[in-house]
Each structure stands twice: as C-alpha cells, then as structure tokens.
Amino acid sequence: MTLHIETPRLFVKSHMLANLEKFHQYENDQELLYYDDDGPDDREPETIEKTNDYLKRIIENPLDSNKIYYAIHKNEPDTFIGYGMIYFLNRHNRSCMLGIVIGEKSEWGKGYAREALTAIVTYCFNTLEVNRIGAGVYEFNERSIRLFERVGFKREGVTRQSILRRGQFYDEIQYGLLKSEW
C-alpha cells in the first residue's frame, strides 16, 4: 500500500528512488538544515550512498508503522519539490506529529507548503483517524510559524532553549490542532 493524495497542484505520495539526486541535494542544503534539523551546524555533508540507503529505508517503511514519510510533487509536470513525515503516530491515543519541508527554494512563497500541509492534516484526521496533530517549530523559522498558524494550528507552549544554532540557544514552539477544530 502506498500513500497518494492529490490536491489541485500537488501529489503527496510515497518516496521513489527516482528522487534520489534532489533528495540528496535537499538533505545537504545548509539553509534547509538550519531551519529543520537538530544536528550540529558544522556536520559533514551526507554522501550520495548514505542518502541512497536512507531513502531505501524510507521507501521500505510500511504505512502502518509509527512513521509515514511522504514526498511532495508538483503535478504539472510531476516534479519532486519537498517532503515530510508523520511521526510519533500513536494509534491508541489517536495522535501524531507532523513535519514538512519545501526543498525547492524556487517554489517558496507559492502556497505549496500550505496546500500539502492541508492535505496531510486531512489525511491524518480522516484516514488515520487521529484526534490531535502536533508540530514543533524553531522560533527563528518565521515561515513555518506562519504556515502552521494559517492552517489552524494553535500555539500550545514553548520548549525553552531546546535548539543550539550558531552558538546560540533558541526555543521550540509547540503547536497542536484537534479534529474538532478542523
């Protein structure tokens, strides 16, 4: 079983090995890592072989696990532009967390993240039958803050000084969205 969600301009679907080169580029982009990764600022770039192994593990990950990885493609033409993950999927408590990245910077500001996130939230509530979706956003990631708030997520709290970037500690803002609010 594979993930496949269609929106007016996008396909949100399972990853494919055909996306390896772009995925490798996104996984090594210092600006994307700054906003999305919790690793050290000076980490070594991943090799294409290591990215290939990681992508294969993602592809082999079953949809019924506690993590669901997805790729974001523009549908005209079918072009890989981003990715994300539904994680900490707790089927008993009907909750999960979300992450999303538009890796193709030329596509920033065009509403693709909002369109994809809206589709994923709908999938989580309707198909996965979760009641609560959470997300954590670093305080310096203003684009992601606006994205989650525009989609309807509520600011629930702050994990103080949880991320170290370029020698300074920053907070992580915790967001949540309930099915009854959707």
N, C-alpha and C. Protein backbone atom coordinates (compact mmCIF):
# COMPACT_ATOMS: atom_id res chain seq x y z
N MET A 1 0.85 -1.18 0.00
CA MET A 1 0.00 0.00 0.00
C MET A 1 0.89 1.24 0.00
N THR A 2 0.59 2.18 -0.85
CA THR A 2 1.37 3.40 -0.92
C THR A 2 0.48 4.60 -0.63
N LEU A 3 1.11 5.67 -0.23
CA LEU A 3 0.41 6.92 0.04
C LEU A 3 0.26 7.68 -1.27
N HIS A 4 -0.94 8.18 -1.54
CA HIS A 4 -1.15 9.01 -2.73
C HIS A 4 -2.33 9.94 -2.47
N ILE A 5 -2.04 11.23 -2.33
CA ILE A 5 -3.06 12.25 -2.11
C ILE A 5 -2.91 13.27 -3.23
N GLU A 6 -4.02 13.62 -3.86
CA GLU A 6 -3.99 14.63 -4.91
C GLU A 6 -4.65 15.90 -4.42
N THR A 7 -4.03 17.03 -4.75
CA THR A 7 -4.59 18.35 -4.50
C THR A 7 -4.65 19.04 -5.86
N PRO A 8 -5.18 20.24 -5.93
CA PRO A 8 -5.24 20.90 -7.24
C PRO A 8 -3.89 21.02 -7.96
N ARG A 9 -2.80 21.23 -7.20
CA ARG A 9 -1.50 21.43 -7.84
C ARG A 9 -0.44 20.42 -7.47
N LEU A 10 -0.76 19.51 -6.56
CA LEU A 10 0.27 18.63 -6.00
C LEU A 10 -0.17 17.18 -5.94
N PHE A 11 0.84 16.31 -5.88
CA PHE A 11 0.69 14.93 -5.44
C PHE A 11 1.50 14.82 -4.15
N VAL A 12 0.89 14.32 -3.10
CA VAL A 12 1.60 13.98 -1.88
C VAL A 12 1.60 12.47 -1.86
N LYS A 13 2.79 11.88 -1.98
CA LYS A 13 2.85 10.44 -2.19
C LYS A 13 4.09 9.84 -1.57
N SER A 14 4.17 8.53 -1.67
CA SER A 14 5.34 7.82 -1.15
C SER A 14 6.59 8.22 -1.94
N HIS A 15 7.72 8.12 -1.29
CA HIS A 15 9.00 8.43 -1.94
C HIS A 15 9.34 7.41 -3.02
N MET A 16 10.20 7.83 -3.96
CA MET A 16 10.67 6.97 -5.03
C MET A 16 12.18 7.15 -5.17
N LEU A 17 12.88 6.10 -5.58
CA LEU A 17 14.32 6.21 -5.80
C LEU A 17 14.66 7.21 -6.91
N ALA A 18 13.74 7.46 -7.80
CA ALA A 18 13.97 8.44 -8.87
C ALA A 18 14.24 9.84 -8.32
N ASN A 19 13.85 10.08 -7.07
CA ASN A 19 14.05 11.38 -6.43
C ASN A 19 15.39 11.49 -5.71
N LEU A 20 16.23 10.49 -5.81
CA LEU A 20 17.46 10.43 -5.02
C LEU A 20 18.32 11.69 -5.15
N GLU A 21 18.60 12.14 -6.35
CA GLU A 21 19.51 13.30 -6.51
C GLU A 21 18.95 14.55 -5.85
N LYS A 22 17.67 14.84 -6.07
CA LYS A 22 17.05 16.03 -5.45
C LYS A 22 16.99 15.86 -3.94
N PHE A 23 16.60 14.66 -3.49
CA PHE A 23 16.52 14.40 -2.06
C PHE A 23 17.89 14.60 -1.41
N HIS A 24 18.92 14.10 -2.06
CA HIS A 24 20.29 14.28 -1.56
C HIS A 24 20.64 15.77 -1.49
N GLN A 25 20.27 16.51 -2.50
CA GLN A 25 20.52 17.96 -2.51
C GLN A 25 19.81 18.63 -1.33
N TYR A 26 18.54 18.30 -1.11
CA TYR A 26 17.78 18.90 -0.01
C TYR A 26 18.36 18.50 1.35
N GLU A 27 18.75 17.25 1.49
CA GLU A 27 19.27 16.75 2.76
C GLU A 27 20.63 17.37 3.11
N ASN A 28 21.30 17.97 2.14
CA ASN A 28 22.60 18.58 2.38
C ASN A 28 22.58 20.10 2.26
N ASP A 29 21.43 20.69 2.05
CA ASP A 29 21.30 22.13 1.90
C ASP A 29 21.41 22.79 3.27
N GLN A 30 22.42 23.60 3.46
CA GLN A 30 22.69 24.21 4.77
C GLN A 30 21.54 25.10 5.26
N GLU A 31 20.88 25.80 4.37
CA GLU A 31 19.76 26.65 4.78
C GLU A 31 18.58 25.79 5.25
N LEU A 32 18.27 24.73 4.52
CA LEU A 32 17.19 23.84 4.95
C LEU A 32 17.53 23.18 6.28
N LEU A 33 18.77 22.76 6.44
CA LEU A 33 19.20 22.13 7.69
C LEU A 33 19.11 23.11 8.86
N TYR A 34 19.42 24.35 8.61
CA TYR A 34 19.35 25.37 9.66
C TYR A 34 17.93 25.45 10.24
N TYR A 35 16.95 25.44 9.36
CA TYR A 35 15.56 25.61 9.79
C TYR A 35 14.89 24.34 10.26
N ASP A 36 15.41 23.18 9.87
CA ASP A 36 14.66 21.95 10.09
C ASP A 36 15.39 20.86 10.87
N ASP A 37 16.69 20.90 10.94
CA ASP A 37 17.47 19.81 11.51
C ASP A 37 17.90 20.16 12.93
N ASP A 38 18.08 19.14 13.76
CA ASP A 38 18.56 19.41 15.12
C ASP A 38 20.01 18.95 15.32
N GLY A 39 20.70 18.66 14.21
CA GLY A 39 22.11 18.26 14.29
C GLY A 39 23.03 19.45 14.40
N PRO A 40 24.31 19.20 14.57
CA PRO A 40 25.28 20.29 14.69
C PRO A 40 25.38 21.12 13.41
N ASP A 41 25.67 22.41 13.58
CA ASP A 41 25.79 23.33 12.44
C ASP A 41 26.91 22.91 11.48
N ASP A 42 27.96 22.31 12.02
CA ASP A 42 29.14 22.01 11.20
C ASP A 42 29.20 20.54 10.77
N ARG A 43 28.07 19.89 10.70
CA ARG A 43 28.09 18.47 10.33
C ARG A 43 28.56 18.32 8.88
N GLU A 44 29.19 17.19 8.64
CA GLU A 44 29.69 16.88 7.30
C GLU A 44 28.53 16.56 6.37
N PRO A 45 28.61 16.95 5.11
CA PRO A 45 27.56 16.58 4.16
C PRO A 45 27.45 15.06 4.03
N GLU A 46 26.23 14.59 3.82
CA GLU A 46 25.99 13.17 3.60
C GLU A 46 26.50 12.78 2.22
N THR A 47 26.99 11.58 2.10
CA THR A 47 27.38 11.07 0.78
C THR A 47 26.11 10.64 0.05
N ILE A 48 26.19 10.54 -1.27
CA ILE A 48 25.05 10.08 -2.05
C ILE A 48 24.70 8.64 -1.67
N GLU A 49 25.69 7.85 -1.31
CA GLU A 49 25.46 6.46 -0.90
C GLU A 49 24.65 6.41 0.41
N LYS A 50 25.02 7.27 1.34
CA LYS A 50 24.30 7.30 2.61
C LYS A 50 22.86 7.79 2.42
N THR A 51 22.69 8.80 1.57
CA THR A 51 21.34 9.28 1.27
C THR A 51 20.54 8.19 0.57
N ASN A 52 21.17 7.45 -0.33
CA ASN A 52 20.51 6.35 -1.04
C ASN A 52 20.03 5.29 -0.04
N ASP A 53 20.88 4.93 0.91
CA ASP A 53 20.50 3.95 1.92
C ASP A 53 19.32 4.46 2.76
N TYR A 54 19.37 5.74 3.14
CA TYR A 54 18.29 6.36 3.93
C TYR A 54 16.99 6.36 3.13
N LEU A 55 17.05 6.74 1.86
CA LEU A 55 15.86 6.78 1.02
C LEU A 55 15.28 5.37 0.84
N LYS A 56 16.12 4.38 0.69
CA LYS A 56 15.63 3.00 0.59
C LYS A 56 14.90 2.58 1.86
N ARG A 57 15.42 2.96 3.02
CA ARG A 57 14.74 2.63 4.29
C ARG A 57 13.39 3.34 4.36
N ILE A 58 13.34 4.58 3.90
CA ILE A 58 12.07 5.33 3.88
C ILE A 58 11.07 4.62 2.98
N ILE A 59 11.50 4.22 1.80
CA ILE A 59 10.61 3.56 0.84
C ILE A 59 10.09 2.24 1.38
N GLU A 60 10.93 1.52 2.10
CA GLU A 60 10.54 0.22 2.64
C GLU A 60 9.70 0.32 3.91
N ASN A 61 9.59 1.53 4.49
CA ASN A 61 8.84 1.73 5.72
C ASN A 61 7.34 1.51 5.46
N PRO A 62 6.70 0.58 6.18
CA PRO A 62 5.27 0.33 5.94
C PRO A 62 4.41 1.50 6.44
N LEU A 63 3.28 1.70 5.75
CA LEU A 63 2.37 2.78 6.14
C LEU A 63 1.73 2.56 7.50
N ASP A 64 1.78 1.35 8.01
CA ASP A 64 1.15 1.09 9.32
C ASP A 64 2.15 1.23 10.47
N SER A 65 3.33 1.76 10.20
CA SER A 65 4.30 1.97 11.28
C SER A 65 3.95 3.27 12.01
N ASN A 66 4.80 3.65 12.96
CA ASN A 66 4.53 4.89 13.69
C ASN A 66 5.16 6.11 12.99
N LYS A 67 5.70 5.91 11.76
CA LYS A 67 6.21 6.99 10.93
C LYS A 67 5.73 6.77 9.51
N ILE A 68 5.25 7.82 8.89
CA ILE A 68 4.86 7.77 7.49
C ILE A 68 5.59 8.90 6.79
N TYR A 69 6.48 8.54 5.89
CA TYR A 69 7.25 9.52 5.13
C TYR A 69 6.49 9.85 3.85
N TYR A 70 6.56 11.11 3.42
CA TYR A 70 5.89 11.47 2.18
C TYR A 70 6.75 12.41 1.35
N ALA A 71 6.52 12.35 0.05
CA ALA A 71 7.18 13.24 -0.91
C ALA A 71 6.13 14.19 -1.48
N ILE A 72 6.53 15.41 -1.75
CA ILE A 72 5.63 16.41 -2.32
C ILE A 72 6.07 16.66 -3.76
N HIS A 73 5.15 16.45 -4.69
CA HIS A 73 5.43 16.63 -6.12
C HIS A 73 4.44 17.63 -6.70
N LYS A 74 4.93 18.54 -7.51
CA LYS A 74 4.03 19.33 -8.34
C LYS A 74 3.44 18.37 -9.36
N ASN A 75 2.17 18.55 -9.71
CA ASN A 75 1.56 17.60 -10.64
C ASN A 75 1.69 18.01 -12.11
N GLU A 76 2.12 19.22 -12.40
CA GLU A 76 2.29 19.67 -13.80
C GLU A 76 3.62 20.37 -13.96
N PRO A 77 4.66 19.79 -14.41
CA PRO A 77 4.84 18.34 -14.56
C PRO A 77 5.12 17.70 -13.21
N ASP A 78 5.14 16.38 -13.19
CA ASP A 78 5.39 15.64 -11.95
C ASP A 78 6.84 15.88 -11.52
N THR A 79 7.00 16.82 -10.56
CA THR A 79 8.33 17.26 -10.13
C THR A 79 8.42 17.22 -8.61
N PHE A 80 9.42 16.56 -8.09
CA PHE A 80 9.67 16.46 -6.65
C PHE A 80 10.14 17.82 -6.13
N ILE A 81 9.41 18.38 -5.14
CA ILE A 81 9.78 19.70 -4.60
C ILE A 81 9.93 19.71 -3.08
N GLY A 82 9.54 18.64 -2.41
CA GLY A 82 9.64 18.65 -0.96
C GLY A 82 9.27 17.32 -0.35
N TYR A 83 9.24 17.31 0.96
CA TYR A 83 8.98 16.06 1.68
C TYR A 83 8.58 16.35 3.11
N GLY A 84 8.18 15.32 3.80
CA GLY A 84 7.81 15.47 5.20
C GLY A 84 7.58 14.12 5.84
N MET A 85 7.07 14.18 7.05
CA MET A 85 6.88 12.96 7.81
C MET A 85 5.75 13.16 8.81
N ILE A 86 4.95 12.12 8.93
CA ILE A 86 4.00 11.98 10.03
C ILE A 86 4.72 11.06 11.01
N TYR A 87 4.95 11.50 12.22
CA TYR A 87 5.74 10.69 13.14
C TYR A 87 5.13 10.70 14.54
N PHE A 88 5.67 9.88 15.40
CA PHE A 88 5.09 9.63 16.72
C PHE A 88 3.60 9.33 16.57
N LEU A 89 3.28 8.55 15.55
CA LEU A 89 1.89 8.16 15.31
C LEU A 89 1.49 7.17 16.39
N ASN A 90 0.60 7.61 17.25
CA ASN A 90 0.14 6.79 18.37
C ASN A 90 -1.32 6.43 18.10
N ARG A 91 -1.53 5.22 17.63
CA ARG A 91 -2.88 4.82 17.22
C ARG A 91 -3.83 4.65 18.41
N HIS A 92 -3.30 4.27 19.57
CA HIS A 92 -4.15 4.14 20.75
C HIS A 92 -4.68 5.51 21.20
N ASN A 93 -3.78 6.48 21.31
CA ASN A 93 -4.18 7.81 21.75
C ASN A 93 -4.64 8.71 20.61
N ARG A 94 -4.56 8.18 19.38
CA ARG A 94 -5.02 8.87 18.17
C ARG A 94 -4.38 10.25 18.05
N SER A 95 -3.03 10.23 18.05
CA SER A 95 -2.28 11.48 17.92
C SER A 95 -1.05 11.25 17.06
N CYS A 96 -0.50 12.34 16.55
CA CYS A 96 0.73 12.27 15.76
C CYS A 96 1.38 13.66 15.73
N MET A 97 2.56 13.69 15.16
CA MET A 97 3.30 14.92 14.92
C MET A 97 3.54 15.02 13.42
N LEU A 98 3.74 16.24 12.92
CA LEU A 98 4.00 16.47 11.50
C LEU A 98 5.25 17.30 11.29
N GLY A 99 5.90 17.03 10.17
CA GLY A 99 7.00 17.85 9.69
C GLY A 99 6.86 18.01 8.19
N ILE A 100 7.30 19.15 7.66
CA ILE A 100 7.19 19.42 6.22
C ILE A 100 8.33 20.32 5.78
N VAL A 101 8.85 20.05 4.58
CA VAL A 101 9.93 20.85 4.00
C VAL A 101 9.64 21.03 2.51
N ILE A 102 9.65 22.26 2.05
CA ILE A 102 9.70 22.51 0.61
C ILE A 102 11.17 22.76 0.32
N GLY A 103 11.80 21.77 -0.29
CA GLY A 103 13.24 21.84 -0.53
C GLY A 103 13.61 22.68 -1.72
N GLU A 104 12.70 22.79 -2.67
CA GLU A 104 12.96 23.54 -3.90
C GLU A 104 12.69 25.02 -3.62
N LYS A 105 13.76 25.75 -3.36
CA LYS A 105 13.61 27.15 -2.93
C LYS A 105 12.92 28.03 -3.96
N SER A 106 13.03 27.70 -5.25
CA SER A 106 12.34 28.49 -6.27
C SER A 106 10.82 28.35 -6.14
N GLU A 107 10.36 27.39 -5.35
CA GLU A 107 8.92 27.18 -5.15
C GLU A 107 8.42 27.77 -3.83
N TRP A 108 9.31 28.38 -3.05
CA TRP A 108 8.90 29.01 -1.80
C TRP A 108 7.98 30.18 -2.10
N GLY A 109 7.02 30.40 -1.20
CA GLY A 109 6.13 31.55 -1.33
C GLY A 109 5.00 31.37 -2.33
N LYS A 110 4.82 30.18 -2.84
CA LYS A 110 3.77 29.94 -3.85
C LYS A 110 2.59 29.15 -3.29
N GLY A 111 2.59 28.91 -1.98
CA GLY A 111 1.47 28.22 -1.35
C GLY A 111 1.52 26.71 -1.39
N TYR A 112 2.62 26.14 -1.88
CA TYR A 112 2.70 24.68 -1.96
C TYR A 112 2.76 24.03 -0.58
N ALA A 113 3.47 24.64 0.35
CA ALA A 113 3.55 24.05 1.70
C ALA A 113 2.17 24.04 2.35
N ARG A 114 1.44 25.13 2.20
CA ARG A 114 0.10 25.19 2.79
C ARG A 114 -0.83 24.16 2.14
N GLU A 115 -0.75 24.03 0.84
CA GLU A 115 -1.59 23.06 0.13
C GLU A 115 -1.25 21.63 0.56
N ALA A 116 0.03 21.33 0.66
CA ALA A 116 0.46 19.99 1.08
C ALA A 116 0.10 19.74 2.54
N LEU A 117 0.36 20.71 3.41
CA LEU A 117 0.07 20.53 4.83
C LEU A 117 -1.43 20.34 5.06
N THR A 118 -2.25 21.10 4.36
CA THR A 118 -3.70 20.94 4.47
C THR A 118 -4.12 19.54 4.07
N ALA A 119 -3.54 19.02 2.99
CA ALA A 119 -3.86 17.66 2.54
C ALA A 119 -3.41 16.61 3.55
N ILE A 120 -2.24 16.80 4.13
CA ILE A 120 -1.73 15.85 5.12
C ILE A 120 -2.57 15.88 6.39
N VAL A 121 -2.96 17.08 6.83
CA VAL A 121 -3.82 17.18 8.02
C VAL A 121 -5.14 16.46 7.77
N THR A 122 -5.74 16.67 6.61
CA THR A 122 -6.98 15.99 6.26
C THR A 122 -6.79 14.48 6.26
N TYR A 123 -5.68 14.02 5.69
CA TYR A 123 -5.35 12.59 5.68
C TYR A 123 -5.23 12.06 7.12
N CYS A 124 -4.55 12.79 7.97
CA CYS A 124 -4.37 12.35 9.36
C CYS A 124 -5.72 12.23 10.08
N PHE A 125 -6.58 13.24 9.93
CA PHE A 125 -7.86 13.20 10.61
C PHE A 125 -8.82 12.18 10.00
N ASN A 126 -8.90 12.11 8.68
CA ASN A 126 -9.90 11.27 8.03
C ASN A 126 -9.45 9.83 7.80
N THR A 127 -8.22 9.62 7.38
CA THR A 127 -7.77 8.27 7.06
C THR A 127 -7.11 7.60 8.27
N LEU A 128 -6.21 8.31 8.92
CA LEU A 128 -5.54 7.74 10.09
C LEU A 128 -6.39 7.85 11.36
N GLU A 129 -7.45 8.64 11.29
CA GLU A 129 -8.40 8.83 12.39
C GLU A 129 -7.75 9.33 13.67
N VAL A 130 -6.79 10.24 13.54
CA VAL A 130 -6.22 10.83 14.73
C VAL A 130 -7.14 11.93 15.25
N ASN A 131 -6.99 12.25 16.50
CA ASN A 131 -7.76 13.33 17.12
C ASN A 131 -6.92 14.58 17.32
N ARG A 132 -5.60 14.38 17.42
CA ARG A 132 -4.70 15.51 17.70
C ARG A 132 -3.45 15.40 16.84
N ILE A 133 -3.06 16.53 16.26
CA ILE A 133 -1.82 16.61 15.48
C ILE A 133 -0.96 17.70 16.11
N GLY A 134 0.30 17.38 16.32
CA GLY A 134 1.23 18.34 16.89
C GLY A 134 2.35 18.67 15.91
N ALA A 135 3.04 19.75 16.20
CA ALA A 135 4.21 20.15 15.41
C ALA A 135 5.10 21.02 16.29
N GLY A 136 6.40 20.89 16.09
CA GLY A 136 7.36 21.74 16.77
C GLY A 136 8.09 22.59 15.76
N VAL A 137 8.18 23.90 16.02
CA VAL A 137 8.81 24.83 15.08
C VAL A 137 9.80 25.69 15.85
N TYR A 138 11.03 25.79 15.32
CA TYR A 138 12.02 26.64 15.97
C TYR A 138 11.60 28.10 15.87
N GLU A 139 11.85 28.85 16.91
CA GLU A 139 11.37 30.22 16.99
C GLU A 139 11.88 31.12 15.87
N PHE A 140 13.00 30.79 15.27
CA PHE A 140 13.55 31.62 14.20
C PHE A 140 13.01 31.24 12.82
N ASN A 141 12.16 30.22 12.76
CA ASN A 141 11.60 29.77 11.48
C ASN A 141 10.23 30.44 11.27
N GLU A 142 10.28 31.71 10.94
CA GLU A 142 9.05 32.51 10.82
C GLU A 142 8.11 32.01 9.73
N ARG A 143 8.66 31.48 8.64
CA ARG A 143 7.82 30.96 7.56
C ARG A 143 6.99 29.77 8.05
N SER A 144 7.62 28.87 8.79
CA SER A 144 6.89 27.71 9.31
C SER A 144 5.88 28.12 10.37
N ILE A 145 6.22 29.08 11.19
CA ILE A 145 5.27 29.58 12.19
C ILE A 145 4.01 30.09 11.48
N ARG A 146 4.19 30.93 10.46
CA ARG A 146 3.04 31.45 9.70
C ARG A 146 2.26 30.31 9.05
N LEU A 147 2.96 29.34 8.48
CA LEU A 147 2.31 28.22 7.81
C LEU A 147 1.40 27.47 8.77
N PHE A 148 1.92 27.03 9.88
CA PHE A 148 1.11 26.23 10.81
C PHE A 148 -0.04 27.04 11.38
N GLU A 149 0.19 28.31 11.68
CA GLU A 149 -0.90 29.14 12.20
C GLU A 149 -1.97 29.38 11.15
N ARG A 150 -1.59 29.57 9.89
CA ARG A 150 -2.58 29.77 8.82
C ARG A 150 -3.42 28.53 8.57
N VAL A 151 -2.83 27.37 8.78
CA VAL A 151 -3.57 26.13 8.58
C VAL A 151 -4.50 25.86 9.77
N GLY A 152 -4.32 26.56 10.88
CA GLY A 152 -5.22 26.43 12.01
C GLY A 152 -4.62 25.88 13.28
N PHE A 153 -3.32 25.58 13.27
CA PHE A 153 -2.67 25.08 14.48
C PHE A 153 -2.63 26.18 15.55
N LYS A 154 -2.80 25.75 16.79
CA LYS A 154 -2.77 26.66 17.93
C LYS A 154 -1.42 26.54 18.65
N ARG A 155 -0.89 27.66 19.05
CA ARG A 155 0.34 27.69 19.84
C ARG A 155 0.00 27.17 21.23
N GLU A 156 0.65 26.07 21.62
CA GLU A 156 0.32 25.44 22.90
C GLU A 156 1.38 25.65 23.97
N GLY A 157 2.58 25.91 23.56
CA GLY A 157 3.63 26.07 24.55
C GLY A 157 4.99 26.27 23.91
N VAL A 158 5.98 26.35 24.76
CA VAL A 158 7.35 26.59 24.31
C VAL A 158 8.28 25.64 25.06
N THR A 159 9.14 24.98 24.31
CA THR A 159 10.22 24.22 24.92
C THR A 159 11.43 25.15 24.87
N ARG A 160 11.77 25.67 26.02
CA ARG A 160 12.77 26.74 26.10
C ARG A 160 14.17 26.25 25.79
N GLN A 161 14.87 27.04 24.99
CA GLN A 161 16.29 26.83 24.66
C GLN A 161 16.61 25.38 24.31
N SER A 162 15.81 24.81 23.42
CA SER A 162 15.98 23.39 23.08
C SER A 162 16.85 23.14 21.85
N ILE A 163 17.21 24.19 21.12
CA ILE A 163 17.99 24.03 19.91
C ILE A 163 19.18 24.99 19.92
N LEU A 164 20.34 24.47 19.58
CA LEU A 164 21.56 25.28 19.52
C LEU A 164 21.89 25.54 18.07
N ARG A 165 21.89 26.80 17.68
CA ARG A 165 22.22 27.20 16.32
C ARG A 165 23.25 28.31 16.37
N ARG A 166 24.37 28.05 15.69
CA ARG A 166 25.43 29.05 15.56
C ARG A 166 25.80 29.69 16.90
N GLY A 167 25.91 28.82 17.91
CA GLY A 167 26.38 29.25 19.21
C GLY A 167 25.33 29.88 20.10
N GLN A 168 24.08 29.88 19.70
CA GLN A 168 23.01 30.49 20.49
C GLN A 168 21.87 29.50 20.67
N PHE A 169 21.27 29.49 21.86
CA PHE A 169 20.12 28.62 22.12
C PHE A 169 18.83 29.32 21.72
N TYR A 170 17.91 28.53 21.15
CA TYR A 170 16.61 29.05 20.74
C TYR A 170 15.51 28.14 21.26
N ASP A 171 14.32 28.71 21.36
CA ASP A 171 13.15 27.96 21.80
C ASP A 171 12.52 27.20 20.64
N GLU A 172 11.79 26.15 20.99
CA GLU A 172 10.97 25.45 20.02
C GLU A 172 9.51 25.68 20.42
N ILE A 173 8.72 26.17 19.49
CA ILE A 173 7.31 26.46 19.75
C ILE A 173 6.51 25.20 19.44
N GLN A 174 5.64 24.82 20.38
CA GLN A 174 4.82 23.63 20.22
C GLN A 174 3.43 24.03 19.73
N TYR A 175 3.00 23.39 18.66
CA TYR A 175 1.69 23.65 18.07
C TYR A 175 0.83 22.41 18.14
N GLY A 176 -0.49 22.60 18.15
CA GLY A 176 -1.42 21.49 18.12
C GLY A 176 -2.68 21.86 17.37
N LEU A 177 -3.31 20.85 16.80
CA LEU A 177 -4.58 21.02 16.10
C LEU A 177 -5.44 19.81 16.43
N LEU A 178 -6.67 20.06 16.87
CA LEU A 178 -7.61 19.00 17.21
C LEU A 178 -8.59 18.78 16.06
N LYS A 179 -9.06 17.55 15.94
CA LYS A 179 -10.02 17.23 14.88
C LYS A 179 -11.25 18.11 15.00
N SER A 180 -11.69 18.40 16.21
CA SER A 180 -12.89 19.24 16.41
C SER A 180 -12.68 20.68 15.94
N GLU A 181 -11.42 21.10 15.80
CA GLU A 181 -11.11 22.46 15.32
C GLU A 181 -10.98 22.51 13.80
N TRP A 182 -10.89 21.35 13.18
CA TRP A 182 -10.68 21.25 11.74
C TRP A 182 -12.00 21.38 11.05
